[in-house]
Amino acid sequence: MTKPNPFAILEDPKEIARAERATEIAWSYVEGGIPSAERERQRRRMVYVVVSLAIERSGDPTELAHRAIRRFQERQIRR
């Protein structure tokens, strides 16, 4: 069974590449603060955060990554 690809919803290859790059940037920023046992699940959550933001308004991958980091951390605090 293959895992779902949340980036596929974006359809446009340029948007997919931008979201993938934003995910790499954002994840590299937060990864160190995530317990190793939680990393895979939290990385998947970051992917969905980035994709949800990319659907709203994509823009530059770095700017998209910064917005994703903020949303990722806001949702983590509320838990």
N, C-alpha and C. Protein backbone atom coordinates (compact mmCIF):
# COMPACT_ATOMS: atom_id res chain seq x y z
N MET A 1 0.84 -1.19 0.00
CA MET A 1 0.00 0.00 0.00
C MET A 1 0.89 1.24 0.00
N THR A 2 0.61 2.18 -0.87
CA THR A 2 1.39 3.42 -0.94
C THR A 2 0.79 4.46 -0.01
N LYS A 3 1.66 5.31 0.49
CA LYS A 3 1.21 6.40 1.36
C LYS A 3 0.61 7.49 0.49
N PRO A 4 -0.40 8.19 1.00
CA PRO A 4 -0.97 9.30 0.23
C PRO A 4 0.07 10.42 0.06
N ASN A 5 -0.01 11.09 -1.06
CA ASN A 5 0.89 12.21 -1.33
C ASN A 5 0.11 13.50 -1.19
N PRO A 6 0.20 14.18 -0.06
CA PRO A 6 -0.57 15.40 0.13
C PRO A 6 -0.21 16.52 -0.85
N PHE A 7 1.00 16.48 -1.42
CA PHE A 7 1.39 17.50 -2.39
C PHE A 7 0.60 17.40 -3.70
N ALA A 8 0.07 16.22 -3.99
CA ALA A 8 -0.64 16.00 -5.25
C ALA A 8 -1.86 16.89 -5.41
N ILE A 9 -2.43 17.34 -4.31
CA ILE A 9 -3.60 18.21 -4.39
C ILE A 9 -3.27 19.54 -5.07
N LEU A 10 -2.01 19.92 -5.05
CA LEU A 10 -1.60 21.19 -5.65
C LEU A 10 -1.61 21.16 -7.17
N GLU A 11 -1.42 20.00 -7.76
CA GLU A 11 -1.48 19.75 -9.20
C GLU A 11 -0.37 20.40 -10.03
N ASP A 12 -0.15 21.68 -9.90
CA ASP A 12 0.86 22.39 -10.70
C ASP A 12 2.26 21.98 -10.21
N PRO A 13 3.10 21.46 -11.11
CA PRO A 13 4.44 21.02 -10.71
C PRO A 13 5.27 22.11 -10.02
N LYS A 14 5.11 23.36 -10.43
CA LYS A 14 5.85 24.45 -9.79
C LYS A 14 5.37 24.66 -8.35
N GLU A 15 4.07 24.56 -8.14
CA GLU A 15 3.52 24.71 -6.79
C GLU A 15 3.95 23.55 -5.90
N ILE A 16 3.97 22.35 -6.47
CA ILE A 16 4.41 21.17 -5.72
C ILE A 16 5.87 21.35 -5.30
N ALA A 17 6.71 21.76 -6.23
CA ALA A 17 8.14 21.95 -5.93
C ALA A 17 8.32 23.03 -4.86
N ARG A 18 7.55 24.10 -4.95
CA ARG A 18 7.63 25.18 -3.96
C ARG A 18 7.23 24.68 -2.58
N ALA A 19 6.15 23.90 -2.52
CA ALA A 19 5.68 23.36 -1.24
C ALA A 19 6.68 22.35 -0.68
N GLU A 20 7.25 21.53 -1.54
CA GLU A 20 8.25 20.56 -1.07
C GLU A 20 9.46 21.28 -0.49
N ARG A 21 9.91 22.33 -1.16
CA ARG A 21 11.06 23.10 -0.68
C ARG A 21 10.72 23.78 0.64
N ALA A 22 9.53 24.35 0.73
CA ALA A 22 9.09 24.99 1.98
C ALA A 22 9.05 23.98 3.12
N THR A 23 8.62 22.76 2.83
CA THR A 23 8.58 21.72 3.84
C THR A 23 9.99 21.40 4.34
N GLU A 24 10.94 21.29 3.42
CA GLU A 24 12.34 21.03 3.81
C GLU A 24 12.87 22.13 4.72
N ILE A 25 12.61 23.37 4.35
CA ILE A 25 13.09 24.51 5.13
C ILE A 25 12.45 24.50 6.52
N ALA A 26 11.13 24.38 6.55
CA ALA A 26 10.40 24.42 7.82
C ALA A 26 10.80 23.26 8.72
N TRP A 27 10.88 22.06 8.15
CA TRP A 27 11.21 20.90 8.95
C TRP A 27 12.63 21.01 9.53
N SER A 28 13.56 21.50 8.74
CA SER A 28 14.93 21.63 9.24
C SER A 28 14.99 22.58 10.43
N TYR A 29 14.07 23.53 10.48
CA TYR A 29 14.04 24.49 11.57
C TYR A 29 13.47 23.87 12.85
N VAL A 30 12.43 23.05 12.75
CA VAL A 30 11.76 22.53 13.95
C VAL A 30 12.20 21.13 14.36
N GLU A 31 12.83 20.40 13.46
CA GLU A 31 13.16 18.99 13.70
C GLU A 31 13.91 18.74 15.00
N GLY A 32 14.88 19.57 15.31
CA GLY A 32 15.69 19.37 16.51
C GLY A 32 14.90 19.42 17.81
N GLY A 33 13.77 20.11 17.81
CA GLY A 33 12.96 20.22 19.01
C GLY A 33 11.91 19.13 19.15
N ILE A 34 11.88 18.20 18.21
CA ILE A 34 10.88 17.13 18.21
C ILE A 34 11.54 15.86 18.75
N PRO A 35 10.92 15.22 19.74
CA PRO A 35 11.47 13.95 20.23
C PRO A 35 11.57 12.93 19.09
N SER A 36 12.63 12.15 19.07
CA SER A 36 12.86 11.23 17.96
C SER A 36 11.70 10.27 17.74
N ALA A 37 11.03 9.86 18.79
CA ALA A 37 9.89 8.94 18.65
C ALA A 37 8.71 9.60 17.94
N GLU A 38 8.67 10.93 17.93
CA GLU A 38 7.56 11.68 17.31
C GLU A 38 7.90 12.24 15.93
N ARG A 39 9.14 12.11 15.49
CA ARG A 39 9.57 12.82 14.28
C ARG A 39 8.80 12.46 13.03
N GLU A 40 8.58 11.20 12.78
CA GLU A 40 7.88 10.83 11.55
C GLU A 40 6.47 11.40 11.52
N ARG A 41 5.76 11.24 12.64
CA ARG A 41 4.38 11.76 12.71
C ARG A 41 4.35 13.28 12.60
N GLN A 42 5.27 13.95 13.26
CA GLN A 42 5.31 15.41 13.21
C GLN A 42 5.77 15.93 11.85
N ARG A 43 6.65 15.20 11.19
CA ARG A 43 7.05 15.60 9.83
C ARG A 43 5.85 15.52 8.90
N ARG A 44 5.07 14.47 9.03
CA ARG A 44 3.87 14.31 8.21
C ARG A 44 2.90 15.47 8.50
N ARG A 45 2.79 15.84 9.76
CA ARG A 45 1.93 16.97 10.13
C ARG A 45 2.43 18.26 9.49
N MET A 46 3.76 18.45 9.47
CA MET A 46 4.33 19.64 8.84
C MET A 46 3.98 19.67 7.35
N VAL A 47 4.05 18.52 6.69
CA VAL A 47 3.69 18.45 5.26
C VAL A 47 2.27 18.96 5.07
N TYR A 48 1.34 18.50 5.89
CA TYR A 48 -0.05 18.92 5.75
C TYR A 48 -0.23 20.40 6.06
N VAL A 49 0.52 20.93 7.02
CA VAL A 49 0.47 22.36 7.31
C VAL A 49 0.93 23.15 6.09
N VAL A 50 2.04 22.75 5.50
CA VAL A 50 2.57 23.46 4.33
C VAL A 50 1.58 23.39 3.17
N VAL A 51 1.04 22.22 2.91
CA VAL A 51 0.10 22.07 1.80
C VAL A 51 -1.14 22.94 2.02
N SER A 52 -1.65 22.96 3.25
CA SER A 52 -2.83 23.78 3.51
C SER A 52 -2.55 25.26 3.27
N LEU A 53 -1.36 25.70 3.63
CA LEU A 53 -0.99 27.09 3.39
C LEU A 53 -0.73 27.35 1.91
N ALA A 54 -0.16 26.38 1.22
CA ALA A 54 0.13 26.55 -0.21
C ALA A 54 -1.16 26.66 -1.01
N ILE A 55 -2.19 25.97 -0.57
CA ILE A 55 -3.50 26.06 -1.24
C ILE A 55 -4.05 27.47 -1.10
N GLU A 56 -3.91 28.04 0.09
CA GLU A 56 -4.42 29.39 0.33
C GLU A 56 -3.69 30.43 -0.50
N ARG A 57 -2.36 30.35 -0.46
CA ARG A 57 -1.52 31.34 -1.16
C ARG A 57 -0.10 30.84 -1.07
N SER A 58 0.49 30.56 -2.18
CA SER A 58 1.80 29.92 -2.14
C SER A 58 2.92 30.92 -1.90
N GLY A 59 3.36 31.60 -2.90
CA GLY A 59 4.46 32.54 -2.74
C GLY A 59 5.81 31.87 -2.69
N ASP A 60 6.77 32.59 -2.20
CA ASP A 60 8.16 32.15 -2.07
C ASP A 60 8.25 31.00 -1.07
N PRO A 61 9.06 29.97 -1.37
CA PRO A 61 9.18 28.84 -0.44
C PRO A 61 9.64 29.23 0.97
N THR A 62 10.52 30.20 1.07
CA THR A 62 11.00 30.62 2.39
C THR A 62 9.87 31.29 3.17
N GLU A 63 9.11 32.14 2.53
CA GLU A 63 7.99 32.80 3.19
C GLU A 63 6.93 31.78 3.58
N LEU A 64 6.67 30.83 2.70
CA LEU A 64 5.72 29.76 2.98
C LEU A 64 6.21 28.93 4.17
N ALA A 65 7.50 28.65 4.23
CA ALA A 65 8.08 27.90 5.34
C ALA A 65 7.91 28.65 6.66
N HIS A 66 8.13 29.95 6.65
CA HIS A 66 7.97 30.75 7.87
C HIS A 66 6.52 30.70 8.37
N ARG A 67 5.58 30.82 7.47
CA ARG A 67 4.16 30.73 7.86
C ARG A 67 3.84 29.35 8.40
N ALA A 68 4.40 28.31 7.76
CA ALA A 68 4.15 26.94 8.21
C ALA A 68 4.72 26.70 9.60
N ILE A 69 5.92 27.22 9.86
CA ILE A 69 6.53 27.07 11.18
C ILE A 69 5.64 27.70 12.24
N ARG A 70 5.15 28.91 11.97
CA ARG A 70 4.28 29.59 12.93
C ARG A 70 3.02 28.76 13.20
N ARG A 71 2.38 28.29 12.16
CA ARG A 71 1.14 27.50 12.34
C ARG A 71 1.45 26.18 13.04
N PHE A 72 2.52 25.53 12.66
CA PHE A 72 2.93 24.26 13.28
C PHE A 72 3.13 24.45 14.78
N GLN A 73 3.83 25.50 15.16
CA GLN A 73 4.13 25.75 16.56
C GLN A 73 2.89 26.21 17.33
N GLU A 74 2.02 26.99 16.71
CA GLU A 74 0.78 27.42 17.37
C GLU A 74 -0.08 26.21 17.71
N ARG A 75 -0.22 25.31 16.78
CA ARG A 75 -1.05 24.13 17.01
C ARG A 75 -0.41 23.21 18.04
N GLN A 76 0.90 23.19 18.14
CA GLN A 76 1.60 22.35 19.10
C GLN A 76 1.38 22.88 20.51
N ILE A 77 1.33 24.18 20.66
CA ILE A 77 1.16 24.81 21.97
C ILE A 77 -0.24 24.53 22.50
N ARG A 78 -1.24 24.55 21.64
CA ARG A 78 -2.63 24.34 22.05
C ARG A 78 -2.93 22.92 22.50
N ARG A 79 -2.10 21.96 22.16
CA ARG A 79 -2.38 20.55 22.48
C ARG A 79 -2.26 20.28 23.94
